[in-house]
Amino acid sequence: MFDRIARRYDLVNTVLSAGTDTGWRRRAARETAIVAGGSALDVACGSGKLTAELARIVGPDGRVVGLDFSPRMLDVARHDHPGLEFIEGDALKLPFEDASFDAATIAFGLRNLADPILGLREMVRVARRRAVVLEFVRPPRGVVGATYRLYLKALLPAVGGLLSGAPAAYRYLSDTVDSYRTPEELTAMAVHAGWSGVSFHSLAMGTVGILSGRR
């Protein structure tokens, strides 16, 4: 599915989020607390947008690696960010030694993992200092939540399908809205995976969040 939508993935995200997705990734990159000359692994990197934000922080003397299981997503990432390192790999079995990076991140990929607890455990295993998750959360109660749910169920599959040429993929994304976790559930998952000092910051009126913690 991700191979099929790779070419238009960034365009669709920008349209559907009204351009705010870039700011979310920038905030997630800052949350890692990496510095110039540091290192980071971006898991389920997709087209490499968060990978690029991390690379801007560490600069030319640092190291950032983007990892994804979709070859076509990686083709887009390498085309759009030719100076960065991208590899094909499994988020549930990261091909790196313990504490290989200062930080590990994942943006909008956790809910797509077959075993998200294992994915969180792998992230914190390879991260010396911090692990950060940027993810959609379950629509909150009230008017905002009801409006957001309607958007996910109706507008997202229509616009996403039209722009990407792969309507089934965006029907999948809207059909899985009820599998989105609450902030409390995401925090509990991280603790269960062995994270410590876990914190959660809400964005976009509670529809998106940043989960962070350490080894």
Protein backbone atom coordinates (compact mmCIF):
# COMPACT_ATOMS: atom_id res chain seq x y z
CA MET A 1 0.00 0.00 0.00
CA PHE A 2 2.77 2.45 0.91
CA ASP A 3 4.61 1.59 -2.31
CA ARG A 4 1.48 2.55 -4.26
CA ILE A 5 1.08 5.96 -2.62
CA ALA A 6 4.78 6.85 -2.30
CA ARG A 7 4.95 9.31 -5.21
CA ARG A 8 2.11 11.52 -3.94
CA TYR A 9 2.50 10.84 -0.22
CA ASP A 10 3.98 14.23 0.74
CA LEU A 11 1.53 16.18 -1.42
CA VAL A 12 -1.46 14.46 0.14
CA ASN A 13 -0.14 14.97 3.68
CA THR A 14 0.45 18.66 3.08
CA VAL A 15 -3.03 19.17 1.62
CA LEU A 16 -4.83 17.13 4.28
CA SER A 17 -3.01 18.85 7.16
CA ALA A 18 -3.19 22.33 5.56
CA GLY A 19 0.59 22.45 5.70
CA THR A 20 0.87 21.98 9.45
CA ASP A 21 2.54 18.55 9.26
CA THR A 22 5.94 20.18 8.68
CA GLY A 23 5.68 22.03 11.98
CA TRP A 24 4.76 18.82 13.81
CA ARG A 25 7.87 17.08 12.49
CA ARG A 26 10.04 20.06 13.39
CA ARG A 27 8.70 19.94 16.95
CA ALA A 28 9.36 16.19 17.15
CA ALA A 29 12.93 16.70 15.94
CA ARG A 30 13.53 19.30 18.66
CA GLU A 31 12.07 16.95 21.26
CA THR A 32 14.96 14.52 20.69
CA ALA A 33 17.34 17.09 22.24
CA ILE A 34 20.07 16.08 19.78
CA VAL A 35 22.76 18.65 19.04
CA ALA A 36 25.19 19.47 16.25
CA GLY A 37 27.45 16.50 15.64
CA GLY A 38 24.94 14.08 17.17
CA SER A 39 23.19 11.07 15.67
CA ALA A 40 19.64 9.88 15.15
CA LEU A 41 17.68 7.02 13.58
CA ASP A 42 14.33 7.83 11.95
CA VAL A 43 12.24 4.62 11.93
CA ALA A 44 9.50 4.17 9.31
CA CYS A 45 10.94 7.28 7.70
CA GLY A 46 8.74 7.19 4.60
CA SER A 47 9.74 9.99 2.25
CA GLY A 48 12.31 11.31 4.73
CA LYS A 49 10.74 14.55 5.94
CA LEU A 50 11.47 13.97 9.63
CA THR A 51 14.87 12.50 8.70
CA ALA A 52 15.71 15.79 7.00
CA GLU A 53 14.62 17.81 10.05
CA LEU A 54 16.93 15.72 12.23
CA ALA A 55 19.78 16.18 9.76
CA ARG A 56 19.40 19.96 9.92
CA ILE A 57 20.01 19.82 13.66
CA VAL A 58 23.04 17.51 13.68
CA GLY A 59 24.66 19.24 10.71
CA PRO A 60 27.44 17.90 8.47
CA ASP A 61 29.41 16.39 11.35
CA GLY A 62 26.49 14.31 12.62
CA ARG A 63 24.83 11.16 11.37
CA VAL A 64 21.15 10.58 10.60
CA VAL A 65 19.77 7.35 9.13
CA GLY A 66 16.26 6.86 7.75
CA LEU A 67 14.87 3.31 7.80
CA ASP A 68 11.72 2.04 6.08
CA PHE A 69 10.30 -1.21 4.74
CA SER A 70 8.83 0.32 1.56
CA PRO A 71 11.33 0.41 -1.34
CA ARG A 72 9.38 3.03 -3.25
CA MET A 73 9.11 5.30 -0.24
CA LEU A 74 12.87 5.05 0.06
CA ASP A 75 13.24 5.88 -3.63
CA VAL A 76 11.33 9.12 -2.99
CA ALA A 77 13.37 9.84 0.14
CA ARG A 78 16.68 9.38 -1.68
CA HIS A 79 15.49 11.57 -4.56
CA ASP A 80 14.26 14.38 -2.30
CA HIS A 81 17.16 14.21 0.17
CA PRO A 82 20.18 13.00 -1.81
CA GLY A 83 22.73 13.77 0.88
CA LEU A 84 21.12 11.59 3.55
CA GLU A 85 21.48 7.90 4.39
CA PHE A 86 18.43 5.66 3.88
CA ILE A 87 18.21 1.91 4.31
CA GLU A 88 15.52 -0.72 3.91
CA GLY A 89 14.78 -2.51 7.16
CA ASP A 90 12.33 -3.88 9.71
CA ALA A 91 11.18 -1.60 12.53
CA LEU A 92 10.65 -4.67 14.70
CA LYS A 93 14.23 -5.88 14.24
CA LEU A 94 16.43 -2.83 13.80
CA PRO A 95 19.80 -3.72 12.21
CA PHE A 96 21.85 -1.76 14.75
CA GLU A 97 23.69 -2.48 17.99
CA ASP A 98 22.41 -1.23 21.34
CA ALA A 99 22.86 2.52 21.91
CA SER A 100 23.98 3.13 18.32
CA PHE A 101 22.35 6.58 18.13
CA ASP A 102 21.71 9.51 20.43
CA ALA A 103 18.01 9.39 19.54
CA ALA A 104 15.42 7.38 17.64
CA THR A 105 12.18 8.71 16.15
CA ILE A 106 9.08 7.48 14.35
CA ALA A 107 6.43 9.71 12.76
CA PHE A 108 2.95 8.38 12.01
CA GLY A 109 4.24 4.84 11.76
CA LEU A 110 3.70 3.29 15.16
CA ARG A 111 0.09 2.27 14.56
CA ASN A 112 1.09 0.50 11.35
CA LEU A 113 3.52 -1.85 13.13
CA ALA A 114 2.39 -5.44 13.64
CA ASP A 115 3.74 -5.26 17.20
CA PRO A 116 3.97 -1.64 18.39
CA ILE A 117 5.32 -2.61 21.82
CA LEU A 118 8.24 -4.40 20.18
CA GLY A 119 8.74 -1.39 17.90
CA LEU A 120 8.96 0.93 20.92
CA ARG A 121 11.33 -1.49 22.64
CA GLU A 122 13.60 -1.56 19.59
CA MET A 123 13.66 2.23 19.39
CA VAL A 124 14.78 2.68 22.97
CA ARG A 125 17.29 -0.16 22.59
CA VAL A 126 19.23 1.66 19.86
CA ALA A 127 18.87 5.14 21.40
CA ARG A 128 21.43 6.26 23.98
CA ARG A 129 19.41 9.23 25.16
CA ARG A 130 15.88 9.77 23.83
CA ALA A 131 13.17 8.14 21.77
CA VAL A 132 10.35 10.21 20.25
CA VAL A 133 7.05 9.21 18.63
CA LEU A 134 4.92 11.60 16.57
CA GLU A 135 1.49 10.05 16.11
CA PHE A 136 -2.21 10.65 15.57
CA VAL A 137 -4.27 10.05 18.68
CA ARG A 138 -7.88 9.03 19.17
CA PRO A 139 -10.25 11.94 18.53
CA PRO A 140 -11.05 13.73 21.80
CA ARG A 141 -14.60 14.05 23.06
CA GLY A 142 -16.72 17.04 22.16
CA VAL A 143 -17.08 19.21 19.08
CA VAL A 144 -13.41 19.02 18.08
CA GLY A 145 -13.40 15.23 18.28
CA ALA A 146 -16.65 14.86 16.37
CA THR A 147 -15.45 17.20 13.63
CA TYR A 148 -12.10 15.42 13.40
CA ARG A 149 -13.79 12.00 13.18
CA LEU A 150 -16.03 13.26 10.36
CA TYR A 151 -12.96 14.61 8.58
CA LEU A 152 -11.18 11.25 8.88
CA LYS A 153 -14.19 9.26 7.76
CA ALA A 154 -15.32 11.44 4.84
CA LEU A 155 -12.85 14.08 3.66
CA LEU A 156 -9.59 12.16 4.10
CA PRO A 157 -10.48 9.17 1.89
CA ALA A 158 -12.06 11.40 -0.76
CA VAL A 159 -9.22 13.93 -1.06
CA GLY A 160 -6.44 11.43 -0.38
CA GLY A 161 -7.80 8.98 -2.92
CA LEU A 162 -8.19 11.69 -5.57
CA LEU A 163 -4.70 13.14 -5.14
CA SER A 164 -2.86 9.84 -4.74
CA GLY A 165 -4.74 7.77 -7.30
CA ALA A 166 -5.00 5.03 -4.64
CA PRO A 167 -8.39 5.43 -2.94
CA ALA A 168 -8.17 2.06 -1.17
CA ALA A 169 -5.09 3.22 0.75
CA TYR A 170 -6.85 6.26 2.15
CA ARG A 171 -9.98 4.26 2.93
CA TYR A 172 -7.67 2.09 5.04
CA LEU A 173 -6.38 5.15 6.89
CA SER A 174 -9.87 6.40 7.65
CA ASP A 175 -11.22 2.95 8.51
CA THR A 176 -8.54 2.53 11.18
CA VAL A 177 -9.48 5.68 13.11
CA ASP A 178 -10.97 3.59 15.89
CA SER A 179 -7.59 1.90 16.38
CA TYR A 180 -5.93 5.21 17.25
CA ARG A 181 -4.65 5.19 20.84
CA THR A 182 -5.36 7.75 23.51
CA PRO A 183 -2.44 9.67 25.05
CA GLU A 184 -2.79 7.51 28.16
CA GLU A 185 -2.63 4.31 26.12
CA LEU A 186 0.45 5.48 24.22
CA THR A 187 2.17 6.41 27.47
CA ALA A 188 1.35 3.02 28.99
CA MET A 189 2.68 1.26 25.89
CA ALA A 190 5.98 3.13 26.16
CA VAL A 191 6.35 2.27 29.84
CA HIS A 192 5.58 -1.39 29.06
CA ALA A 193 8.27 -1.29 26.36
CA GLY A 194 10.86 -0.18 28.91
CA TRP A 195 10.88 3.58 28.43
CA SER A 196 11.47 5.81 31.44
CA GLY A 197 10.73 9.49 32.01
CA VAL A 198 7.84 9.26 29.55
CA SER A 199 6.01 12.47 28.62
CA PHE A 200 3.26 13.31 26.14
CA HIS A 201 2.58 16.67 24.45
CA SER A 202 -0.67 17.30 22.58
CA LEU A 203 -0.74 19.19 19.28
CA ALA A 204 -3.44 20.25 16.82
CA MET A 205 -6.23 20.52 19.41
CA GLY A 206 -5.50 17.08 20.78
CA THR A 207 -5.56 15.17 17.48
CA VAL A 208 -1.79 14.67 17.24
CA GLY A 209 0.75 14.05 19.96
CA ILE A 210 4.46 13.70 20.70
CA LEU A 211 5.51 10.87 23.01
CA SER A 212 9.05 10.96 24.35
CA GLY A 213 11.19 9.05 26.82
CA ARG A 214 14.59 7.56 27.41
CA ARG A 215 16.42 4.32 28.14
